[in-house]
Amino acid sequence: MGIVEEAHNVKVLGTGVQNLVLAHGFGTDQSVWKHLIPHLVDNYRVVLYDNMGAGTTNPEYFDFERYSTLEGHAYDLLAILEELQIESCIFVGHSVSAMIGAIASISRPDLFSKLVMISASPRYLNDVDYYGGFEQEDLDQLFEAMRSNYKAWCSGFAPLAVGGDMDSVAVQEFSRTLFNMRPDIALSVGQTIFQCDMRQILGLVTVPCHIIQSMKDLAVPVVVSEYLHQNLGGESIVEVMSSDGHLPQLSSPDAVIPVLLRHIRFDIAV
C-alpha cells in the first residue's frame, strides 16, 4: 500500500472491471456508505477513502494551509487515483466531496466518466441573485458554537443535519463520526466548506453530472440543485428525492439506494 492510500485509509472492494469511487462529506468518513456498498461489490471495483481531517485519519497529516481550500482535497483525490493506477472511474461524491470531484475533473476530465453528486452545493452563503441557505451571521454563530463547546455543538448539529427522528441510528452514527474529528480540524474544515464559493468553476466541468438531493436539507436548499444543473459546463440531470436530510444514504437507505444505483448504472441520454 502506498503512502497516499495509507494516509486516507483507502480500501478497494469488489471484483468488477469498472472503477467506482465513493467520497464522503464533512463530519463523516467512509462508513457513511455502508448501506450502499453491498449493492455495488458484485459489479464494480469499489474504492473507498477518508478525506484528510476525518476522525479516522491521522491528525498529524492535516495541513491547515493545504486544506484551507477545496483544491487541497482535490489534489489528494487525484493522488489516490494515480497511486491505484485508475484511468477512468465513476465518482460518487457526497456533500463537499461532490465539489472536490468537480474540481479534480476540471484538471483531469479523462479520469472521470461521470460525477454523481449527492447533497452538493457550490456556495452555502446567500448572495445577490443566489440563495445558498445561510447568511454570514448564521455561519459566524455556527463557528462560534464549534469553538466554545465542540461536543455540545455536535449533539445539536447532528440531528439537524440528518433530519427526521432525533433518536435515529443515523443521528447517532453522524454524531459519532463528527465527534471523532479533532475540534480545531473540524472548525477549519467547516470554515473552508461553508465559506467556499465554487460558482465560477462550474462552467469548466465538462464531465456528465447526476445531481441528487433531498427535498428537505438543512444545508442545501432544493433550488441549489437546479442552479448546479443550469451552470455546469457539461450534460447534467437532477433528481430531488422525497427524503429528509443532508445524509440521505445513511438516514433513508431503503428509499435512496435504488435512486443512487440507477444514476450509477445509467448514463444521461444525450
C-alpha atoms as a PDB file:
ATOM      1  CA  MET A   1       0.000   0.000   0.000  1.00  0.00           C
ATOM      2  CA  GLY A   2       1.327   3.425  -0.967  1.00  0.00           C
ATOM      3  CA  ILE A   3       1.764   6.413   1.335  1.00  0.00           C
ATOM      4  CA  VAL A   4      -1.299   8.225  -0.036  1.00  0.00           C
ATOM      5  CA  GLU A   5      -3.504   5.127   0.282  1.00  0.00           C
ATOM      6  CA  GLU A   6      -2.382   4.569   3.863  1.00  0.00           C
ATOM      7  CA  ALA A   7      -2.950   8.199   4.869  1.00  0.00           C
ATOM      8  CA  HIS A   8      -6.514   8.135   3.500  1.00  0.00           C
ATOM      9  CA  ASN A   9      -7.391   4.592   4.699  1.00  0.00           C
ATOM     10  CA  VAL A  10      -8.047   3.531   1.107  1.00  0.00           C
ATOM     11  CA  LYS A  11      -9.998   0.282   0.694  1.00  0.00           C
ATOM     12  CA  VAL A  12     -10.662  -1.463  -2.605  1.00  0.00           C
ATOM     13  CA  LEU A  13     -13.586  -3.898  -2.646  1.00  0.00           C
ATOM     14  CA  GLY A  14     -15.395  -5.904  -5.282  1.00  0.00           C
ATOM     15  CA  THR A  15     -14.493  -7.709  -8.469  1.00  0.00           C
ATOM     16  CA  GLY A  16     -15.907  -5.565 -11.256  1.00  0.00           C
ATOM     17  CA  VAL A  17     -13.925  -4.127 -14.130  1.00  0.00           C
ATOM     18  CA  GLN A  18     -15.319  -0.611 -13.811  1.00  0.00           C
ATOM     19  CA  ASN A  19     -13.918   1.599 -11.049  1.00  0.00           C
ATOM     20  CA  LEU A  20     -16.375   3.338  -8.729  1.00  0.00           C
ATOM     21  CA  VAL A  21     -15.014   5.849  -6.195  1.00  0.00           C
ATOM     22  CA  LEU A  22     -17.088   6.782  -3.123  1.00  0.00           C
ATOM     23  CA  ALA A  23     -16.170  10.042  -1.362  1.00  0.00           C
ATOM     24  CA  HIS A  24     -17.821  11.205   1.883  1.00  0.00           C
ATOM     25  CA  GLY A  25     -18.813  14.665   3.121  1.00  0.00           C
ATOM     26  CA  PHE A  26     -17.987  16.816   6.158  1.00  0.00           C
ATOM     27  CA  GLY A  27     -18.183  15.169   9.571  1.00  0.00           C
ATOM     28  CA  THR A  28     -18.371  11.620   8.243  1.00  0.00           C
ATOM     29  CA  ASP A  29     -15.941   9.024   6.943  1.00  0.00           C
ATOM     30  CA  GLN A  30     -16.190   6.111   4.516  1.00  0.00           C
ATOM     31  CA  SER A  31     -18.589   4.283   6.882  1.00  0.00           C
ATOM     32  CA  VAL A  32     -21.363   6.591   5.581  1.00  0.00           C
ATOM     33  CA  TRP A  33     -21.548   4.275   2.531  1.00  0.00           C
ATOM     34  CA  LYS A  34     -22.181   1.067   4.485  1.00  0.00           C
ATOM     35  CA  HIS A  35     -25.742   0.572   3.180  1.00  0.00           C
ATOM     36  CA  LEU A  36     -24.722   1.146  -0.438  1.00  0.00           C
ATOM     37  CA  ILE A  37     -21.558  -0.971  -0.707  1.00  0.00           C
ATOM     38  CA  PRO A  38     -23.233  -4.435  -0.663  1.00  0.00           C
ATOM     39  CA  HIS A  39     -25.185  -3.432  -3.809  1.00  0.00           C
ATOM     40  CA  LEU A  40     -22.015  -2.499  -5.694  1.00  0.00           C
ATOM     41  CA  VAL A  41     -19.298  -5.068  -4.996  1.00  0.00           C
ATOM     42  CA  ASP A  42     -20.560  -7.674  -7.478  1.00  0.00           C
ATOM     43  CA  ASN A  43     -20.456  -5.285 -10.431  1.00  0.00           C
ATOM     44  CA  TYR A  44     -17.763  -2.726  -9.644  1.00  0.00           C
ATOM     45  CA  ARG A  45     -14.283  -2.290  -8.246  1.00  0.00           C
ATOM     46  CA  VAL A  46     -15.263  -0.004  -5.364  1.00  0.00           C
ATOM     47  CA  VAL A  47     -12.722   2.453  -3.966  1.00  0.00           C
ATOM     48  CA  LEU A  48     -13.371   3.968  -0.525  1.00  0.00           C
ATOM     49  CA  TYR A  49     -11.241   6.586   1.185  1.00  0.00           C
ATOM     50  CA  ASP A  50     -11.351   9.148   4.000  1.00  0.00           C
ATOM     51  CA  ASN A  51     -10.844  12.856   3.401  1.00  0.00           C
ATOM     52  CA  MET A  52      -7.911  14.249   5.346  1.00  0.00           C
ATOM     53  CA  GLY A  53      -9.233  15.625   8.632  1.00  0.00           C
ATOM     54  CA  ALA A  54     -11.874  12.915   9.087  1.00  0.00           C
ATOM     55  CA  GLY A  55     -11.736  11.381  12.572  1.00  0.00           C
ATOM     56  CA  THR A  56     -10.323   8.161  11.102  1.00  0.00           C
ATOM     57  CA  THR A  57      -7.258   9.910   9.623  1.00  0.00           C
ATOM     58  CA  ASN A  58      -4.067  10.825  11.463  1.00  0.00           C
ATOM     59  CA  PRO A  59      -4.428  14.466  12.595  1.00  0.00           C
ATOM     60  CA  GLU A  60      -0.673  14.885  12.209  1.00  0.00           C
ATOM     61  CA  TYR A  61      -1.161  14.707   8.430  1.00  0.00           C
ATOM     62  CA  PHE A  62      -3.658  17.573   8.412  1.00  0.00           C
ATOM     63  CA  ASP A  63      -2.022  20.635   6.858  1.00  0.00           C
ATOM     64  CA  PHE A  64      -4.154  23.677   7.771  1.00  0.00           C
ATOM     65  CA  GLU A  65      -2.805  25.716   4.867  1.00  0.00           C
ATOM     66  CA  ARG A  66      -3.223  22.983   2.231  1.00  0.00           C
ATOM     67  CA  TYR A  67      -6.815  22.326   3.279  1.00  0.00           C
ATOM     68  CA  SER A  68      -7.824  25.960   3.587  1.00  0.00           C
ATOM     69  CA  THR A  69      -9.214  25.499   0.057  1.00  0.00           C
ATOM     70  CA  LEU A  70     -11.038  22.573  -1.540  1.00  0.00           C
ATOM     71  CA  GLU A  71      -8.225  22.267  -4.092  1.00  0.00           C
ATOM     72  CA  GLY A  72      -6.071  20.590  -1.431  1.00  0.00           C
ATOM     73  CA  HIS A  73      -8.611  17.770  -1.189  1.00  0.00           C
ATOM     74  CA  ALA A  74      -8.918  17.585  -4.989  1.00  0.00           C
ATOM     75  CA  TYR A  75      -5.153  17.046  -5.247  1.00  0.00           C
ATOM     76  CA  ASP A  76      -5.496  14.232  -2.697  1.00  0.00           C
ATOM     77  CA  LEU A  77      -8.187  12.572  -4.819  1.00  0.00           C
ATOM     78  CA  LEU A  78      -6.024  12.762  -7.947  1.00  0.00           C
ATOM     79  CA  ALA A  79      -3.067  11.332  -5.988  1.00  0.00           C
ATOM     80  CA  ILE A  80      -5.218   8.390  -4.817  1.00  0.00           C
ATOM     81  CA  LEU A  81      -6.362   7.652  -8.393  1.00  0.00           C
ATOM     82  CA  GLU A  82      -2.763   7.842  -9.590  1.00  0.00           C
ATOM     83  CA  GLU A  83      -1.475   5.525  -6.879  1.00  0.00           C
ATOM     84  CA  LEU A  84      -4.223   2.985  -7.682  1.00  0.00           C
ATOM     85  CA  GLN A  85      -3.445   3.400 -11.414  1.00  0.00           C
ATOM     86  CA  ILE A  86      -7.089   4.233 -12.153  1.00  0.00           C
ATOM     87  CA  GLU A  87      -7.517   5.553 -15.686  1.00  0.00           C
ATOM     88  CA  SER A  88     -11.282   6.077 -15.520  1.00  0.00           C
ATOM     89  CA  CYS A  89     -13.925   5.959 -12.789  1.00  0.00           C
ATOM     90  CA  ILE A  90     -17.471   6.796 -11.851  1.00  0.00           C
ATOM     91  CA  PHE A  91     -17.105   9.234  -8.956  1.00  0.00           C
ATOM     92  CA  VAL A  92     -19.823   9.442  -6.299  1.00  0.00           C
ATOM     93  CA  GLY A  93     -19.280  12.491  -4.092  1.00  0.00           C
ATOM     94  CA  HIS A  94     -21.380  13.364  -1.062  1.00  0.00           C
ATOM     95  CA  SER A  95     -21.718  16.985   0.083  1.00  0.00           C
ATOM     96  CA  VAL A  96     -18.343  18.771  -0.144  1.00  0.00           C
ATOM     97  CA  SER A  97     -16.818  15.805  -1.982  1.00  0.00           C
ATOM     98  CA  ALA A  98     -19.128  16.472  -4.926  1.00  0.00           C
ATOM     99  CA  MET A  99     -17.346  19.816  -5.369  1.00  0.00           C
ATOM    100  CA  ILE A 100     -13.947  18.209  -4.721  1.00  0.00           C
ATOM    101  CA  GLY A 101     -14.699  15.745  -7.541  1.00  0.00           C
ATOM    102  CA  ALA A 102     -15.797  18.612  -9.784  1.00  0.00           C
ATOM    103  CA  ILE A 103     -12.506  20.458  -9.182  1.00  0.00           C
ATOM    104  CA  ALA A 104     -10.479  17.296  -9.849  1.00  0.00           C
ATOM    105  CA  SER A 105     -12.441  16.633 -13.046  1.00  0.00           C
ATOM    106  CA  ILE A 106     -11.555  20.062 -14.462  1.00  0.00           C
ATOM    107  CA  SER A 107      -7.840  19.295 -14.439  1.00  0.00           C
ATOM    108  CA  ARG A 108      -8.244  15.611 -15.400  1.00  0.00           C
ATOM    109  CA  PRO A 109     -11.579  15.046 -17.204  1.00  0.00           C
ATOM    110  CA  ASP A 110     -10.178  11.829 -18.688  1.00  0.00           C
ATOM    111  CA  LEU A 111     -10.216  10.186 -15.244  1.00  0.00           C
ATOM    112  CA  PHE A 112     -13.966  10.621 -14.680  1.00  0.00           C
ATOM    113  CA  SER A 113     -16.673   9.044 -16.840  1.00  0.00           C
ATOM    114  CA  LYS A 114     -19.294  10.816 -14.712  1.00  0.00           C
ATOM    115  CA  LEU A 115     -19.856  12.525 -11.368  1.00  0.00           C
ATOM    116  CA  VAL A 116     -22.764  11.538  -9.142  1.00  0.00           C
ATOM    117  CA  MET A 117     -23.303  14.465  -6.765  1.00  0.00           C
ATOM    118  CA  ILE A 118     -25.299  13.887  -3.567  1.00  0.00           C
ATOM    119  CA  SER A 119     -26.371  16.903  -1.444  1.00  0.00           C
ATOM    120  CA  ALA A 120     -23.938  19.155  -3.328  1.00  0.00           C
ATOM    121  CA  SER A 121     -23.609  22.930  -3.114  1.00  0.00           C
ATOM    122  CA  PRO A 122     -21.201  25.352  -4.808  1.00  0.00           C
ATOM    123  CA  ARG A 123     -21.878  28.027  -2.179  1.00  0.00           C
ATOM    124  CA  TYR A 124     -23.706  27.909   1.170  1.00  0.00           C
ATOM    125  CA  LEU A 125     -23.941  31.677   1.666  1.00  0.00           C
ATOM    126  CA  ASN A 126     -26.742  33.729   0.169  1.00  0.00           C
ATOM    127  CA  ASP A 127     -25.659  36.310  -2.389  1.00  0.00           C
ATOM    128  CA  VAL A 128     -27.257  38.759  -4.798  1.00  0.00           C
ATOM    129  CA  ASP A 129     -29.492  36.621  -7.065  1.00  0.00           C
ATOM    130  CA  TYR A 130     -28.325  33.432  -5.331  1.00  0.00           C
ATOM    131  CA  TYR A 131     -29.918  31.502  -2.474  1.00  0.00           C
ATOM    132  CA  GLY A 132     -27.455  29.243  -0.670  1.00  0.00           C
ATOM    133  CA  GLY A 133     -29.425  28.915   2.553  1.00  0.00           C
ATOM    134  CA  PHE A 134     -27.215  30.798   5.046  1.00  0.00           C
ATOM    135  CA  GLU A 135     -26.436  34.384   5.992  1.00  0.00           C
ATOM    136  CA  GLN A 136     -22.916  35.249   7.214  1.00  0.00           C
ATOM    137  CA  GLU A 137     -24.355  35.813  10.700  1.00  0.00           C
ATOM    138  CA  ASP A 138     -25.677  32.208  10.748  1.00  0.00           C
ATOM    139  CA  LEU A 139     -22.232  30.875   9.888  1.00  0.00           C
ATOM    140  CA  ASP A 140     -20.461  33.088  12.431  1.00  0.00           C
ATOM    141  CA  GLN A 141     -22.770  31.689  15.135  1.00  0.00           C
ATOM    142  CA  LEU A 142     -22.133  28.137  13.927  1.00  0.00           C
ATOM    143  CA  PHE A 143     -18.340  28.592  14.065  1.00  0.00           C
ATOM    144  CA  GLU A 144     -18.558  30.223  17.496  1.00  0.00           C
ATOM    145  CA  ALA A 145     -20.596  27.278  18.807  1.00  0.00           C
ATOM    146  CA  MET A 146     -17.999  24.847  17.415  1.00  0.00           C
ATOM    147  CA  ARG A 147     -15.213  26.844  19.107  1.00  0.00           C
ATOM    148  CA  SER A 148     -16.835  27.190  22.512  1.00  0.00           C
ATOM    149  CA  ASN A 149     -18.070  23.627  23.109  1.00  0.00           C
ATOM    150  CA  TYR A 150     -17.451  21.198  20.288  1.00  0.00           C
ATOM    151  CA  LYS A 151     -19.144  18.221  21.897  1.00  0.00           C
ATOM    152  CA  ALA A 152     -22.315  20.197  22.619  1.00  0.00           C
ATOM    153  CA  TRP A 153     -22.269  21.566  19.079  1.00  0.00           C
ATOM    154  CA  CYS A 154     -22.022  18.017  17.630  1.00  0.00           C
ATOM    155  CA  SER A 155     -25.031  16.915  19.707  1.00  0.00           C
ATOM    156  CA  GLY A 156     -27.105  19.796  18.378  1.00  0.00           C
ATOM    157  CA  PHE A 157     -25.912  19.809  14.788  1.00  0.00           C
ATOM    158  CA  ALA A 158     -26.176  16.068  14.056  1.00  0.00           C
ATOM    159  CA  PRO A 159     -29.982  15.770  14.325  1.00  0.00           C
ATOM    160  CA  LEU A 160     -30.476  18.986  12.335  1.00  0.00           C
ATOM    161  CA  ALA A 161     -28.217  17.790   9.518  1.00  0.00           C
ATOM    162  CA  VAL A 162     -29.573  14.237   9.404  1.00  0.00           C
ATOM    163  CA  GLY A 163     -33.213  15.330   9.727  1.00  0.00           C
ATOM    164  CA  GLY A 164     -36.122  13.167  10.787  1.00  0.00           C
ATOM    165  CA  ASP A 165     -36.005  11.236  14.033  1.00  0.00           C
ATOM    166  CA  MET A 166     -33.801  12.794  16.742  1.00  0.00           C
ATOM    167  CA  ASP A 167     -33.011   9.372  18.235  1.00  0.00           C
ATOM    168  CA  SER A 168     -32.389   7.535  14.970  1.00  0.00           C
ATOM    169  CA  VAL A 169     -29.396   5.280  14.377  1.00  0.00           C
ATOM    170  CA  ALA A 170     -28.334   7.664  11.569  1.00  0.00           C
ATOM    171  CA  VAL A 171     -28.194  10.598  14.018  1.00  0.00           C
ATOM    172  CA  GLN A 172     -26.141   8.520  16.466  1.00  0.00           C
ATOM    173  CA  GLU A 173     -23.836   7.449  13.641  1.00  0.00           C
ATOM    174  CA  PHE A 174     -23.292  11.010  12.374  1.00  0.00           C
ATOM    175  CA  SER A 175     -22.770  12.263  15.958  1.00  0.00           C
ATOM    176  CA  ARG A 176     -20.082   9.602  16.393  1.00  0.00           C
ATOM    177  CA  THR A 177     -18.110  10.433  13.227  1.00  0.00           C
ATOM    178  CA  LEU A 178     -18.498  14.177  13.823  1.00  0.00           C
ATOM    179  CA  PHE A 179     -17.247  13.884  17.391  1.00  0.00           C
ATOM    180  CA  ASN A 180     -14.304  11.749  16.209  1.00  0.00           C
ATOM    181  CA  MET A 181     -12.833  14.779  14.444  1.00  0.00           C
ATOM    182  CA  ARG A 182     -10.309  16.850  16.353  1.00  0.00           C
ATOM    183  CA  PRO A 183     -12.208  20.070  17.217  1.00  0.00           C
ATOM    184  CA  ASP A 184      -9.674  22.503  15.712  1.00  0.00           C
ATOM    185  CA  ILE A 185      -9.558  20.461  12.492  1.00  0.00           C
ATOM    186  CA  ALA A 186     -13.367  20.244  12.351  1.00  0.00           C
ATOM    187  CA  LEU A 187     -13.604  24.018  12.719  1.00  0.00           C
ATOM    188  CA  SER A 188     -11.017  24.613   9.988  1.00  0.00           C
ATOM    189  CA  VAL A 189     -12.695  22.160   7.578  1.00  0.00           C
ATOM    190  CA  GLY A 190     -16.119  23.591   8.413  1.00  0.00           C
ATOM    191  CA  GLN A 191     -14.943  27.136   7.682  1.00  0.00           C
ATOM    192  CA  THR A 192     -13.342  26.095   4.387  1.00  0.00           C
ATOM    193  CA  ILE A 193     -16.544  24.381   3.243  1.00  0.00           C
ATOM    194  CA  PHE A 194     -19.156  26.869   4.436  1.00  0.00           C
ATOM    195  CA  GLN A 195     -17.194  29.901   3.199  1.00  0.00           C
ATOM    196  CA  CYS A 196     -16.304  28.414  -0.195  1.00  0.00           C
ATOM    197  CA  ASP A 197     -17.652  29.774  -3.467  1.00  0.00           C
ATOM    198  CA  MET A 198     -17.277  27.364  -6.383  1.00  0.00           C
ATOM    199  CA  ARG A 199     -19.806  29.011  -8.678  1.00  0.00           C
ATOM    200  CA  GLN A 200     -17.150  30.403 -11.016  1.00  0.00           C
ATOM    201  CA  ILE A 201     -15.701  26.956 -11.840  1.00  0.00           C
ATOM    202  CA  LEU A 202     -18.959  25.141 -12.622  1.00  0.00           C
ATOM    203  CA  GLY A 203     -18.841  26.043 -16.314  1.00  0.00           C
ATOM    204  CA  LEU A 204     -15.427  24.353 -16.576  1.00  0.00           C
ATOM    205  CA  VAL A 205     -16.853  20.963 -15.532  1.00  0.00           C
ATOM    206  CA  THR A 206     -17.379  19.030 -18.769  1.00  0.00           C
ATOM    207  CA  VAL A 207     -17.920  15.544 -17.322  1.00  0.00           C
ATOM    208  CA  PRO A 208     -21.610  14.396 -17.178  1.00  0.00           C
ATOM    209  CA  CYS A 209     -23.112  15.101 -13.730  1.00  0.00           C
ATOM    210  CA  HIS A 210     -26.001  13.418 -11.918  1.00  0.00           C
ATOM    211  CA  ILE A 211     -27.272  15.786  -9.210  1.00  0.00           C
ATOM    212  CA  ILE A 212     -29.249  14.093  -6.431  1.00  0.00           C
ATOM    213  CA  GLN A 213     -30.603  15.678  -3.292  1.00  0.00           C
ATOM    214  CA  SER A 214     -33.223  15.521  -0.556  1.00  0.00           C
ATOM    215  CA  MET A 215     -36.434  17.513  -0.753  1.00  0.00           C
ATOM    216  CA  LYS A 216     -35.589  18.878   2.698  1.00  0.00           C
ATOM    217  CA  ASP A 217     -31.954  19.542   3.605  1.00  0.00           C
ATOM    218  CA  LEU A 218     -30.745  21.930   6.319  1.00  0.00           C
ATOM    219  CA  ALA A 219     -27.536  22.687   4.403  1.00  0.00           C
ATOM    220  CA  VAL A 220     -28.684  22.676   0.773  1.00  0.00           C
ATOM    221  CA  PRO A 221     -31.972  24.247  -0.400  1.00  0.00           C
ATOM    222  CA  VAL A 222     -33.595  22.456  -3.357  1.00  0.00           C
ATOM    223  CA  VAL A 223     -33.005  25.484  -5.629  1.00  0.00           C
ATOM    224  CA  VAL A 224     -29.252  24.787  -5.395  1.00  0.00           C
ATOM    225  CA  SER A 225     -29.618  21.545  -7.373  1.00  0.00           C
ATOM    226  CA  GLU A 226     -31.328  23.487 -10.157  1.00  0.00           C
ATOM    227  CA  TYR A 227     -28.562  26.124 -10.013  1.00  0.00           C
ATOM    228  CA  LEU A 228     -25.936  23.389 -10.492  1.00  0.00           C
ATOM    229  CA  HIS A 229     -27.916  21.912 -13.380  1.00  0.00           C
ATOM    230  CA  GLN A 230     -28.124  25.298 -15.139  1.00  0.00           C
ATOM    231  CA  ASN A 231     -24.470  26.231 -14.616  1.00  0.00           C
ATOM    232  CA  LEU A 232     -22.401  23.057 -15.030  1.00  0.00           C
ATOM    233  CA  GLY A 233     -20.491  23.017 -18.316  1.00  0.00           C
ATOM    234  CA  GLY A 234     -21.405  19.506 -19.438  1.00  0.00           C
ATOM    235  CA  GLU A 235     -24.532  17.372 -19.563  1.00  0.00           C
ATOM    236  CA  SER A 236     -26.391  17.136 -16.248  1.00  0.00           C
ATOM    237  CA  ILE A 237     -29.550  15.713 -14.760  1.00  0.00           C
ATOM    238  CA  VAL A 238     -31.304  16.452 -11.447  1.00  0.00           C
ATOM    239  CA  GLU A 239     -33.332  14.188  -9.182  1.00  0.00           C
ATOM    240  CA  VAL A 240     -34.876  15.548  -5.999  1.00  0.00           C
ATOM    241  CA  MET A 241     -35.824  12.705  -3.656  1.00  0.00           C
ATOM    242  CA  SER A 242     -38.623  12.737  -1.087  1.00  0.00           C
ATOM    243  CA  SER A 243     -36.017  12.065   1.625  1.00  0.00           C
ATOM    244  CA  ASP A 244     -35.272  14.403   4.532  1.00  0.00           C
ATOM    245  CA  GLY A 245     -31.762  15.467   5.486  1.00  0.00           C
ATOM    246  CA  HIS A 246     -28.215  16.030   4.294  1.00  0.00           C
ATOM    247  CA  LEU A 247     -27.076  12.395   4.609  1.00  0.00           C
ATOM    248  CA  PRO A 248     -29.884  10.520   2.808  1.00  0.00           C
ATOM    249  CA  GLN A 249     -27.716   7.490   2.009  1.00  0.00           C
ATOM    250  CA  LEU A 250     -27.351   6.986   5.767  1.00  0.00           C
ATOM    251  CA  SER A 251     -30.762   8.089   7.059  1.00  0.00           C
ATOM    252  CA  SER A 252     -33.110   6.770   4.331  1.00  0.00           C
ATOM    253  CA  PRO A 253     -31.221   3.914   2.650  1.00  0.00           C
ATOM    254  CA  ASP A 254     -34.302   1.977   1.524  1.00  0.00           C
ATOM    255  CA  ALA A 255     -35.581   4.930  -0.493  1.00  0.00           C
ATOM    256  CA  VAL A 256     -32.251   6.397  -1.563  1.00  0.00           C
ATOM    257  CA  ILE A 257     -30.123   3.407  -2.580  1.00  0.00           C
ATOM    258  CA  PRO A 258     -32.331   2.436  -5.569  1.00  0.00           C
ATOM    259  CA  VAL A 259     -32.041   6.038  -6.810  1.00  0.00           C
ATOM    260  CA  LEU A 260     -28.256   6.047  -6.401  1.00  0.00           C
ATOM    261  CA  LEU A 261     -27.904   2.699  -8.165  1.00  0.00           C
ATOM    262  CA  ARG A 262     -29.987   3.944 -11.078  1.00  0.00           C
ATOM    263  CA  HIS A 263     -27.752   7.010 -11.516  1.00  0.00           C
ATOM    264  CA  ILE A 264     -24.571   4.969 -11.124  1.00  0.00           C
ATOM    265  CA  ARG A 265     -25.663   2.386 -13.722  1.00  0.00           C
ATOM    266  CA  PHE A 266     -27.273   4.543 -16.354  1.00  0.00           C
ATOM    267  CA  ASP A 267     -25.824   7.445 -18.274  1.00  0.00           C
ATOM    268  CA  ILE A 268     -27.588  10.633 -19.263  1.00  0.00           C
ATOM    269  CA  ALA A 269     -29.230  10.202 -22.647  1.00  0.00           C
ATOM    270  CA  VAL A 270     -27.633  12.812 -24.871  1.00  0.00           C
END
